[in-house]
Amino acid sequence: MSTTDRWEELFRGRRWRVAEEVSGTVTIPKRRGIPEVVITFSRGNFTVAAPGAFQSPLSTNKGRAGVLLVETDDSGSRDFPGTRMAVGAPAVRKARQVYGAVW
């Protein structure tokens, strides 16, 4: 994985959870030479249909499958609005193991 070196900034002392309430399909319409993109969510996990892709703030590589996270307070009882972040599954594993940052 090619990293952006933002691990400490995004996970040290912060708490995140998988946005399991997010399920369904989103279609981003074709526009100015960019083809239509379909994203399918299942309990916070997602796939982006080709030719689409997403880029995590943790990597310079683009991917087609990932996990949607949302930042919470320390107890996990309150979400912080506007904090959703898409990352790859390996990033979630590392954030759990190294930082204890994902519920």
PDB file of N, CA and C in Angstrom:
ATOM      1  N   MET A   1       0.846  -1.169   0.000  1.00  0.00           N
ATOM      2  CA  MET A   1       0.000   0.000   0.000  1.00  0.00           C
ATOM      3  C   MET A   1       0.893   1.234   0.000  1.00  0.00           C
ATOM      4  N   SER A   2       0.597   2.157  -0.872  1.00  0.00           N
ATOM      5  CA  SER A   2       1.320   3.421  -0.915  1.00  0.00           C
ATOM      6  C   SER A   2       0.619   4.385   0.032  1.00  0.00           C
ATOM      7  N   THR A   3       1.315   4.852   1.045  1.00  0.00           N
ATOM      8  CA  THR A   3       0.671   5.599   2.115  1.00  0.00           C
ATOM      9  C   THR A   3       0.845   7.111   1.990  1.00  0.00           C
ATOM     10  N   THR A   4      -0.084   7.840   2.579  1.00  0.00           N
ATOM     11  CA  THR A   4      -0.010   9.305   2.621  1.00  0.00           C
ATOM     12  C   THR A   4       0.555   9.790   3.955  1.00  0.00           C
ATOM     13  N   ASP A   5       0.934   8.864   4.844  1.00  0.00           N
ATOM     14  CA  ASP A   5       1.487   9.191   6.161  1.00  0.00           C
ATOM     15  C   ASP A   5       0.530   9.992   7.037  1.00  0.00           C
ATOM     16  N   ARG A   6      -0.758   9.722   6.935  1.00  0.00           N
ATOM     17  CA  ARG A   6      -1.763  10.419   7.753  1.00  0.00           C
ATOM     18  C   ARG A   6      -2.310   9.534   8.877  1.00  0.00           C
ATOM     19  N   TRP A   7      -1.690   8.386   9.119  1.00  0.00           N
ATOM     20  CA  TRP A   7      -2.193   7.448  10.121  1.00  0.00           C
ATOM     21  C   TRP A   7      -2.316   8.089  11.498  1.00  0.00           C
ATOM     22  N   GLU A   8      -1.269   8.739  11.948  1.00  0.00           N
ATOM     23  CA  GLU A   8      -1.293   9.358  13.277  1.00  0.00           C
ATOM     24  C   GLU A   8      -2.388  10.420  13.368  1.00  0.00           C
ATOM     25  N   GLU A   9      -2.457  11.264  12.362  1.00  0.00           N
ATOM     26  CA  GLU A   9      -3.450  12.343  12.331  1.00  0.00           C
ATOM     27  C   GLU A   9      -4.878  11.802  12.403  1.00  0.00           C
ATOM     28  N   LEU A  10      -5.147  10.739  11.668  1.00  0.00           N
ATOM     29  CA  LEU A  10      -6.507  10.227  11.584  1.00  0.00           C
ATOM     30  C   LEU A  10      -6.887   9.243  12.684  1.00  0.00           C
ATOM     31  N   PHE A  11      -5.912   8.566  13.291  1.00  0.00           N
ATOM     32  CA  PHE A  11      -6.267   7.526  14.245  1.00  0.00           C
ATOM     33  C   PHE A  11      -5.717   7.689  15.659  1.00  0.00           C
ATOM     34  N   ARG A  12      -4.626   8.367  15.868  1.00  0.00           N
ATOM     35  CA  ARG A  12      -4.072   8.522  17.223  1.00  0.00           C
ATOM     36  C   ARG A  12      -5.026   9.360  18.076  1.00  0.00           C
ATOM     37  N   GLY A  13      -5.570   8.760  19.137  1.00  0.00           N
ATOM     38  CA  GLY A  13      -6.447   9.470  20.066  1.00  0.00           C
ATOM     39  C   GLY A  13      -7.852   9.726  19.552  1.00  0.00           C
ATOM     40  N   ARG A  14      -8.213   9.124  18.438  1.00  0.00           N
ATOM     41  CA  ARG A  14      -9.551   9.298  17.879  1.00  0.00           C
ATOM     42  C   ARG A  14     -10.248   7.949  17.822  1.00  0.00           C
ATOM     43  N   ARG A  15     -11.597   7.970  17.750  1.00  0.00           N
ATOM     44  CA  ARG A  15     -12.393   6.740  17.693  1.00  0.00           C
ATOM     45  C   ARG A  15     -13.275   6.764  16.463  1.00  0.00           C
ATOM     46  N   TRP A  16     -13.387   5.626  15.816  1.00  0.00           N
ATOM     47  CA  TRP A  16     -14.181   5.468  14.612  1.00  0.00           C
ATOM     48  C   TRP A  16     -15.009   4.199  14.719  1.00  0.00           C
ATOM     49  N   ARG A  17     -16.100   4.157  13.960  1.00  0.00           N
ATOM     50  CA  ARG A  17     -16.889   2.929  13.852  1.00  0.00           C
ATOM     51  C   ARG A  17     -17.243   2.720  12.392  1.00  0.00           C
ATOM     52  N   VAL A  18     -17.526   1.472  12.029  1.00  0.00           N
ATOM     53  CA  VAL A  18     -18.011   1.170  10.689  1.00  0.00           C
ATOM     54  C   VAL A  18     -19.452   1.659  10.616  1.00  0.00           C
ATOM     55  N   ALA A  19     -19.790   2.375   9.570  1.00  0.00           N
ATOM     56  CA  ALA A  19     -21.141   2.922   9.387  1.00  0.00           C
ATOM     57  C   ALA A  19     -22.074   1.805   8.901  1.00  0.00           C
ATOM     58  N   GLU A  20     -22.373   0.870   9.801  1.00  0.00           N
ATOM     59  CA  GLU A  20     -23.165  -0.315   9.448  1.00  0.00           C
ATOM     60  C   GLU A  20     -24.592   0.002   9.036  1.00  0.00           C
ATOM     61  N   GLU A  21     -25.061   1.185   9.344  1.00  0.00           N
ATOM     62  CA  GLU A  21     -26.418   1.571   8.954  1.00  0.00           C
ATOM     63  C   GLU A  21     -26.512   1.933   7.467  1.00  0.00           C
ATOM     64  N   VAL A  22     -25.379   2.008   6.787  1.00  0.00           N
ATOM     65  CA  VAL A  22     -25.367   2.402   5.374  1.00  0.00           C
ATOM     66  C   VAL A  22     -25.414   1.156   4.487  1.00  0.00           C
ATOM     67  N   SER A  23     -26.537   0.983   3.794  1.00  0.00           N
ATOM     68  CA  SER A  23     -26.728  -0.098   2.834  1.00  0.00           C
ATOM     69  C   SER A  23     -27.529   0.447   1.663  1.00  0.00           C
ATOM     70  N   GLY A  24     -27.326  -0.144   0.514  1.00  0.00           N
ATOM     71  CA  GLY A  24     -28.068   0.285  -0.672  1.00  0.00           C
ATOM     72  C   GLY A  24     -27.123   0.614  -1.810  1.00  0.00           C
ATOM     73  N   THR A  25     -27.710   1.155  -2.873  1.00  0.00           N
ATOM     74  CA  THR A  25     -26.952   1.474  -4.075  1.00  0.00           C
ATOM     75  C   THR A  25     -27.052   2.955  -4.379  1.00  0.00           C
ATOM     76  N   VAL A  26     -25.927   3.534  -4.744  1.00  0.00           N
ATOM     77  CA  VAL A  26     -25.865   4.939  -5.147  1.00  0.00           C
ATOM     78  C   VAL A  26     -25.333   4.977  -6.576  1.00  0.00           C
ATOM     79  N   THR A  27     -25.993   5.745  -7.419  1.00  0.00           N
ATOM     80  CA  THR A  27     -25.528   5.922  -8.790  1.00  0.00           C
ATOM     81  C   THR A  27     -25.130   7.371  -8.993  1.00  0.00           C
ATOM     82  N   ILE A  28     -23.886   7.572  -9.392  1.00  0.00           N
ATOM     83  CA  ILE A  28     -23.397   8.910  -9.699  1.00  0.00           C
ATOM     84  C   ILE A  28     -23.497   9.057 -11.214  1.00  0.00           C
ATOM     85  N   PRO A  29     -24.331  10.000 -11.679  1.00  0.00           N
ATOM     86  CA  PRO A  29     -24.571  10.100 -13.123  1.00  0.00           C
ATOM     87  C   PRO A  29     -23.328  10.483 -13.921  1.00  0.00           C
ATOM     88  N   LYS A  30     -23.353  10.101 -15.180  1.00  0.00           N
ATOM     89  CA  LYS A  30     -22.292  10.459 -16.117  1.00  0.00           C
ATOM     90  C   LYS A  30     -22.237  11.986 -16.232  1.00  0.00           C
ATOM     91  N   ARG A  31     -21.007  12.520 -16.312  1.00  0.00           N
ATOM     92  CA  ARG A  31     -20.852  13.964 -16.483  1.00  0.00           C
ATOM     93  C   ARG A  31     -19.521  14.283 -17.132  1.00  0.00           C
ATOM     94  N   ARG A  32     -19.483  15.256 -17.977  1.00  0.00           N
ATOM     95  CA  ARG A  32     -18.277  15.773 -18.642  1.00  0.00           C
ATOM     96  C   ARG A  32     -17.181  14.740 -18.866  1.00  0.00           C
ATOM     97  N   GLY A  33     -17.487  13.722 -19.613  1.00  0.00           N
ATOM     98  CA  GLY A  33     -16.472  12.728 -19.949  1.00  0.00           C
ATOM     99  C   GLY A  33     -16.195  11.705 -18.871  1.00  0.00           C
ATOM    100  N   ILE A  34     -16.857  11.808 -17.736  1.00  0.00           N
ATOM    101  CA  ILE A  34     -16.693  10.827 -16.660  1.00  0.00           C
ATOM    102  C   ILE A  34     -17.897   9.890 -16.716  1.00  0.00           C
ATOM    103  N   PRO A  35     -17.671   8.592 -16.856  1.00  0.00           N
ATOM    104  CA  PRO A  35     -18.799   7.659 -16.983  1.00  0.00           C
ATOM    105  C   PRO A  35     -19.592   7.531 -15.681  1.00  0.00           C
ATOM    106  N   GLU A  36     -20.806   7.015 -15.814  1.00  0.00           N
ATOM    107  CA  GLU A  36     -21.635   6.736 -14.642  1.00  0.00           C
ATOM    108  C   GLU A  36     -20.904   5.770 -13.716  1.00  0.00           C
ATOM    109  N   VAL A  37     -21.057   5.977 -12.409  1.00  0.00           N
ATOM    110  CA  VAL A  37     -20.426   5.114 -11.411  1.00  0.00           C
ATOM    111  C   VAL A  37     -21.499   4.605 -10.455  1.00  0.00           C
ATOM    112  N   VAL A  38     -21.490   3.305 -10.193  1.00  0.00           N
ATOM    113  CA  VAL A  38     -22.436   2.682  -9.272  1.00  0.00           C
ATOM    114  C   VAL A  38     -21.669   2.175  -8.057  1.00  0.00           C
ATOM    115  N   ILE A  39     -22.142   2.577  -6.872  1.00  0.00           N
ATOM    116  CA  ILE A  39     -21.520   2.156  -5.609  1.00  0.00           C
ATOM    117  C   ILE A  39     -22.561   1.375  -4.818  1.00  0.00           C
ATOM    118  N   THR A  40     -22.192   0.179  -4.385  1.00  0.00           N
ATOM    119  CA  THR A  40     -23.098  -0.660  -3.617  1.00  0.00           C
ATOM    120  C   THR A  40     -22.576  -0.786  -2.191  1.00  0.00           C
ATOM    121  N   PHE A  41     -23.436  -0.424  -1.227  1.00  0.00           N
ATOM    122  CA  PHE A  41     -23.099  -0.478   0.193  1.00  0.00           C
ATOM    123  C   PHE A  41     -23.839  -1.636   0.856  1.00  0.00           C
ATOM    124  N   SER A  42     -23.159  -2.333   1.757  1.00  0.00           N
ATOM    125  CA  SER A  42     -23.763  -3.379   2.562  1.00  0.00           C
ATOM    126  C   SER A  42     -23.194  -3.288   3.973  1.00  0.00           C
ATOM    127  N   ARG A  43     -23.985  -2.705   4.866  1.00  0.00           N
ATOM    128  CA  ARG A  43     -23.590  -2.541   6.276  1.00  0.00           C
ATOM    129  C   ARG A  43     -22.232  -1.844   6.417  1.00  0.00           C
ATOM    130  N   GLY A  44     -22.037  -0.781   5.645  1.00  0.00           N
ATOM    131  CA  GLY A  44     -20.818   0.017   5.742  1.00  0.00           C
ATOM    132  C   GLY A  44     -19.687  -0.429   4.852  1.00  0.00           C
ATOM    133  N   ASN A  45     -19.766  -1.633   4.317  1.00  0.00           N
ATOM    134  CA  ASN A  45     -18.779  -2.097   3.340  1.00  0.00           C
ATOM    135  C   ASN A  45     -19.293  -1.710   1.964  1.00  0.00           C
ATOM    136  N   PHE A  46     -18.403  -1.405   1.050  1.00  0.00           N
ATOM    137  CA  PHE A  46     -18.868  -0.978  -0.260  1.00  0.00           C
ATOM    138  C   PHE A  46     -17.975  -1.485  -1.377  1.00  0.00           C
ATOM    139  N   THR A  47     -18.575  -1.515  -2.570  1.00  0.00           N
ATOM    140  CA  THR A  47     -17.834  -1.800  -3.792  1.00  0.00           C
ATOM    141  C   THR A  47     -18.209  -0.732  -4.819  1.00  0.00           C
ATOM    142  N   VAL A  48     -17.227  -0.330  -5.592  1.00  0.00           N
ATOM    143  CA  VAL A  48     -17.415   0.638  -6.656  1.00  0.00           C
ATOM    144  C   VAL A  48     -17.280  -0.126  -7.969  1.00  0.00           C
ATOM    145  N   ALA A  49     -18.327  -0.087  -8.796  1.00  0.00           N
ATOM    146  CA  ALA A  49     -18.293  -0.808 -10.063  1.00  0.00           C
ATOM    147  C   ALA A  49     -17.327  -0.129 -11.031  1.00  0.00           C
ATOM    148  N   ALA A  50     -16.640  -0.947 -11.829  1.00  0.00           N
ATOM    149  CA  ALA A  50     -15.743  -0.422 -12.860  1.00  0.00           C
ATOM    150  C   ALA A  50     -16.566   0.404 -13.846  1.00  0.00           C
ATOM    151  N   PRO A  51     -16.053   1.486 -14.332  1.00  0.00           N
ATOM    152  CA  PRO A  51     -14.668   1.935 -14.256  1.00  0.00           C
ATOM    153  C   PRO A  51     -14.380   2.854 -13.071  1.00  0.00           C
ATOM    154  N   GLY A  52     -15.310   2.954 -12.134  1.00  0.00           N
ATOM    155  CA  GLY A  52     -15.118   3.841 -10.985  1.00  0.00           C
ATOM    156  C   GLY A  52     -14.084   3.319 -10.008  1.00  0.00           C
ATOM    157  N   ALA A  53     -13.654   4.187  -9.103  1.00  0.00           N
ATOM    158  CA  ALA A  53     -12.709   3.834  -8.036  1.00  0.00           C
ATOM    159  C   ALA A  53     -12.781   4.922  -6.978  1.00  0.00           C
ATOM    160  N   PHE A  54     -12.295   4.609  -5.781  1.00  0.00           N
ATOM    161  CA  PHE A  54     -12.237   5.608  -4.716  1.00  0.00           C
ATOM    162  C   PHE A  54     -10.794   5.729  -4.243  1.00  0.00           C
ATOM    163  N   GLN A  55     -10.514   6.848  -3.583  1.00  0.00           N
ATOM    164  CA  GLN A  55      -9.176   7.042  -3.009  1.00  0.00           C
ATOM    165  C   GLN A  55      -9.315   7.370  -1.536  1.00  0.00           C
ATOM    166  N   SER A  56      -8.701   6.574  -0.709  1.00  0.00           N
ATOM    167  CA  SER A  56      -8.687   6.770   0.736  1.00  0.00           C
ATOM    168  C   SER A  56      -7.733   7.912   1.089  1.00  0.00           C
ATOM    169  N   PRO A  57      -7.999   8.623   2.175  1.00  0.00           N
ATOM    170  CA  PRO A  57      -7.039   9.637   2.620  1.00  0.00           C
ATOM    171  C   PRO A  57      -5.744   9.023   3.150  1.00  0.00           C
ATOM    172  N   LEU A  58      -5.704   7.688   3.245  1.00  0.00           N
ATOM    173  CA  LEU A  58      -4.524   6.994   3.758  1.00  0.00           C
ATOM    174  C   LEU A  58      -3.598   6.468   2.678  1.00  0.00           C
ATOM    175  N   SER A  59      -4.048   6.487   1.425  1.00  0.00           N
ATOM    176  CA  SER A  59      -3.268   5.871   0.355  1.00  0.00           C
ATOM    177  C   SER A  59      -3.325   6.699  -0.916  1.00  0.00           C
ATOM    178  N   THR A  60      -2.280   6.607  -1.698  1.00  0.00           N
ATOM    179  CA  THR A  60      -2.280   7.265  -2.999  1.00  0.00           C
ATOM    180  C   THR A  60      -2.834   6.330  -4.078  1.00  0.00           C
ATOM    181  N   ASN A  61      -3.063   5.077  -3.724  1.00  0.00           N
ATOM    182  CA  ASN A  61      -3.638   4.098  -4.653  1.00  0.00           C
ATOM    183  C   ASN A  61      -5.156   4.221  -4.660  1.00  0.00           C
ATOM    184  N   LYS A  62      -5.764   3.874  -5.775  1.00  0.00           N
ATOM    185  CA  LYS A  62      -7.221   3.854  -5.859  1.00  0.00           C
ATOM    186  C   LYS A  62      -7.701   2.418  -5.751  1.00  0.00           C
ATOM    187  N   GLY A  63      -8.927   2.248  -5.223  1.00  0.00           N
ATOM    188  CA  GLY A  63      -9.471   0.916  -5.047  1.00  0.00           C
ATOM    189  C   GLY A  63     -10.935   0.852  -5.409  1.00  0.00           C
ATOM    190  N   ARG A  64     -11.475  -0.354  -5.418  1.00  0.00           N
ATOM    191  CA  ARG A  64     -12.882  -0.547  -5.752  1.00  0.00           C
ATOM    192  C   ARG A  64     -13.699  -1.110  -4.599  1.00  0.00           C
ATOM    193  N   ALA A  65     -13.052  -1.496  -3.508  1.00  0.00           N
ATOM    194  CA  ALA A  65     -13.783  -2.030  -2.358  1.00  0.00           C
ATOM    195  C   ALA A  65     -13.244  -1.382  -1.100  1.00  0.00           C
ATOM    196  N   GLY A  66     -14.146  -1.100  -0.157  1.00  0.00           N
ATOM    197  CA  GLY A  66     -13.685  -0.454   1.061  1.00  0.00           C
ATOM    198  C   GLY A  66     -14.717  -0.495   2.165  1.00  0.00           C
ATOM    199  N   VAL A  67     -14.445   0.310   3.185  1.00  0.00           N
ATOM    200  CA  VAL A  67     -15.275   0.382   4.382  1.00  0.00           C
ATOM    201  C   VAL A  67     -15.526   1.849   4.682  1.00  0.00           C
ATOM    202  N   LEU A  68     -16.775   2.176   4.999  1.00  0.00           N
ATOM    203  CA  LEU A  68     -17.137   3.550   5.348  1.00  0.00           C
ATOM    204  C   LEU A  68     -17.082   3.690   6.866  1.00  0.00           C
ATOM    205  N   LEU A  69     -16.229   4.596   7.344  1.00  0.00           N
ATOM    206  CA  LEU A  69     -16.098   4.854   8.781  1.00  0.00           C
ATOM    207  C   LEU A  69     -16.747   6.185   9.129  1.00  0.00           C
ATOM    208  N   VAL A  70     -17.147   6.324  10.385  1.00  0.00           N
ATOM    209  CA  VAL A  70     -17.637   7.599  10.909  1.00  0.00           C
ATOM    210  C   VAL A  70     -16.984   7.797  12.273  1.00  0.00           C
ATOM    211  N   GLU A  71     -16.524   9.015  12.558  1.00  0.00           N
ATOM    212  CA  GLU A  71     -15.863   9.288  13.831  1.00  0.00           C
ATOM    213  C   GLU A  71     -16.896   9.423  14.945  1.00  0.00           C
ATOM    214  N   THR A  72     -16.536   8.910  16.126  1.00  0.00           N
ATOM    215  CA  THR A  72     -17.430   8.965  17.287  1.00  0.00           C
ATOM    216  C   THR A  72     -16.731   9.649  18.456  1.00  0.00           C
ATOM    217  N   ASP A  73     -17.513   9.929  19.501  1.00  0.00           N
ATOM    218  CA  ASP A  73     -16.905  10.392  20.741  1.00  0.00           C
ATOM    219  C   ASP A  73     -16.207   9.214  21.414  1.00  0.00           C
ATOM    220  N   ASP A  74     -15.529   9.455  22.513  1.00  0.00           N
ATOM    221  CA  ASP A  74     -14.740   8.408  23.174  1.00  0.00           C
ATOM    222  C   ASP A  74     -15.569   7.212  23.632  1.00  0.00           C
ATOM    223  N   SER A  75     -16.843   7.438  23.943  1.00  0.00           N
ATOM    224  CA  SER A  75     -17.690   6.339  24.408  1.00  0.00           C
ATOM    225  C   SER A  75     -18.333   5.576  23.257  1.00  0.00           C
ATOM    226  N   GLY A  76     -18.288   6.147  22.052  1.00  0.00           N
ATOM    227  CA  GLY A  76     -18.932   5.525  20.901  1.00  0.00           C
ATOM    228  C   GLY A  76     -20.421   5.768  20.844  1.00  0.00           C
ATOM    229  N   SER A  77     -20.934   6.621  21.733  1.00  0.00           N
ATOM    230  CA  SER A  77     -22.379   6.852  21.783  1.00  0.00           C
ATOM    231  C   SER A  77     -22.852   7.998  20.893  1.00  0.00           C
ATOM    232  N   ARG A  78     -21.932   8.813  20.378  1.00  0.00           N
ATOM    233  CA  ARG A  78     -22.327   9.947  19.543  1.00  0.00           C
ATOM    234  C   ARG A  78     -21.407  10.050  18.341  1.00  0.00           C
ATOM    235  N   ASP A  79     -22.008  10.141  17.159  1.00  0.00           N
ATOM    236  CA  ASP A  79     -21.240  10.349  15.930  1.00  0.00           C
ATOM    237  C   ASP A  79     -20.958  11.829  15.749  1.00  0.00           C
ATOM    238  N   PHE A  80     -19.834  12.139  15.145  1.00  0.00           N
ATOM    239  CA  PHE A  80     -19.517  13.515  14.783  1.00  0.00           C
ATOM    240  C   PHE A  80     -19.994  13.750  13.355  1.00  0.00           C
ATOM    241  N   PRO A  81     -20.885  14.717  13.146  1.00  0.00           N
ATOM    242  CA  PRO A  81     -21.401  14.989  11.801  1.00  0.00           C
ATOM    243  C   PRO A  81     -20.271  15.352  10.833  1.00  0.00           C
ATOM    244  N   GLY A  82     -20.432  14.901   9.595  1.00  0.00           N
ATOM    245  CA  GLY A  82     -19.488  15.267   8.543  1.00  0.00           C
ATOM    246  C   GLY A  82     -18.136  14.576   8.609  1.00  0.00           C
ATOM    247  N   THR A  83     -18.050  13.459   9.333  1.00  0.00           N
ATOM    248  CA  THR A  83     -16.751  12.795   9.497  1.00  0.00           C
ATOM    249  C   THR A  83     -16.646  11.459   8.765  1.00  0.00           C
ATOM    250  N   ARG A  84     -17.550  11.154   7.893  1.00  0.00           N
ATOM    251  CA  ARG A  84     -17.461   9.884   7.171  1.00  0.00           C
ATOM    252  C   ARG A  84     -16.185   9.837   6.338  1.00  0.00           C
ATOM    253  N   MET A  85     -15.554   8.656   6.322  1.00  0.00           N
ATOM    254  CA  MET A  85     -14.290   8.480   5.619  1.00  0.00           C
ATOM    255  C   MET A  85     -14.264   7.078   5.019  1.00  0.00           C
ATOM    256  N   ALA A  86     -13.929   6.978   3.735  1.00  0.00           N
ATOM    257  CA  ALA A  86     -13.821   5.698   3.041  1.00  0.00           C
ATOM    258  C   ALA A  86     -12.370   5.246   3.051  1.00  0.00           C
ATOM    259  N   VAL A  87     -12.150   4.014   3.526  1.00  0.00           N
ATOM    260  CA  VAL A  87     -10.810   3.431   3.564  1.00  0.00           C
ATOM    261  C   VAL A  87     -10.900   1.970   3.125  1.00  0.00           C
ATOM    262  N   GLY A  88      -9.771   1.364   2.843  1.00  0.00           N
ATOM    263  CA  GLY A  88      -9.726  -0.046   2.506  1.00  0.00           C
ATOM    264  C   GLY A  88      -9.802  -0.922   3.751  1.00  0.00           C
ATOM    265  N   ALA A  89     -10.219  -2.171   3.585  1.00  0.00           N
ATOM    266  CA  ALA A  89     -10.313  -3.112   4.704  1.00  0.00           C
ATOM    267  C   ALA A  89      -8.972  -3.307   5.413  1.00  0.00           C
ATOM    268  N   PRO A  90      -7.827  -3.372   4.697  1.00  0.00           N
ATOM    269  CA  PRO A  90      -6.553  -3.491   5.399  1.00  0.00           C
ATOM    270  C   PRO A  90      -6.274  -2.300   6.323  1.00  0.00           C
ATOM    271  N   ALA A  91      -6.734  -1.121   5.944  1.00  0.00           N
ATOM    272  CA  ALA A  91      -6.544   0.065   6.786  1.00  0.00           C
ATOM    273  C   ALA A  91      -7.358  -0.047   8.068  1.00  0.00           C
ATOM    274  N   VAL A  92      -8.562  -0.608   7.971  1.00  0.00           N
ATOM    275  CA  VAL A  92      -9.389  -0.800   9.171  1.00  0.00           C
ATOM    276  C   VAL A  92      -8.697  -1.777  10.118  1.00  0.00           C
ATOM    277  N   ARG A  93      -8.160  -2.862   9.572  1.00  0.00           N
ATOM    278  CA  ARG A  93      -7.443  -3.829  10.421  1.00  0.00           C
ATOM    279  C   ARG A  93      -6.262  -3.161  11.132  1.00  0.00           C
ATOM    280  N   LYS A  94      -5.475  -2.379  10.400  1.00  0.00           N
ATOM    281  CA  LYS A  94      -4.329  -1.703  11.002  1.00  0.00           C
ATOM    282  C   LYS A  94      -4.779  -0.684  12.048  1.00  0.00           C
ATOM    283  N   ALA A  95      -5.824   0.073  11.755  1.00  0.00           N
ATOM    284  CA  ALA A  95      -6.320   1.063  12.714  1.00  0.00           C
ATOM    285  C   ALA A  95      -6.787   0.397  14.003  1.00  0.00           C
ATOM    286  N   ARG A  96      -7.358  -0.793  13.893  1.00  0.00           N
ATOM    287  CA  ARG A  96      -7.788  -1.541  15.082  1.00  0.00           C
ATOM    288  C   ARG A  96      -6.577  -2.073  15.854  1.00  0.00           C
ATOM    289  N   GLN A  97      -5.649  -2.687  15.142  1.00  0.00           N
ATOM    290  CA  GLN A  97      -4.511  -3.347  15.792  1.00  0.00           C
ATOM    291  C   GLN A  97      -3.509  -2.362  16.371  1.00  0.00           C
ATOM    292  N   VAL A  98      -3.163  -1.340  15.618  1.00  0.00           N
ATOM    293  CA  VAL A  98      -2.089  -0.422  16.021  1.00  0.00           C
ATOM    294  C   VAL A  98      -2.607   0.696  16.916  1.00  0.00           C
ATOM    295  N   TYR A  99      -3.799   1.237  16.591  1.00  0.00           N
ATOM    296  CA  TYR A  99      -4.282   2.417  17.313  1.00  0.00           C
ATOM    297  C   TYR A  99      -5.491   2.140  18.204  1.00  0.00           C
ATOM    298  N   GLY A 100      -6.128   0.986  18.068  1.00  0.00           N
ATOM    299  CA  GLY A 100      -7.350   0.703  18.828  1.00  0.00           C
ATOM    300  C   GLY A 100      -8.416   1.737  18.511  1.00  0.00           C
ATOM    301  N   ALA A 101      -8.445   2.228  17.277  1.00  0.00           N
ATOM    302  CA  ALA A 101      -9.249   3.381  16.927  1.00  0.00           C
ATOM    303  C   ALA A 101     -10.590   3.048  16.290  1.00  0.00           C
ATOM    304  N   VAL A 102     -10.802   1.792  15.884  1.00  0.00           N
ATOM    305  CA  VAL A 102     -12.064   1.439  15.223  1.00  0.00           C
ATOM    306  C   VAL A 102     -12.807   0.445  16.090  1.00  0.00           C
ATOM    307  N   TRP A 103     -14.074   0.768  16.414  1.00  0.00           N
ATOM    308  CA  TRP A 103     -14.906  -0.098  17.251  1.00  0.00           C
ATOM    309  C   TRP A 103     -15.178  -1.389  16.523  1.00  0.00           C
TER     310      TRP A 103
END
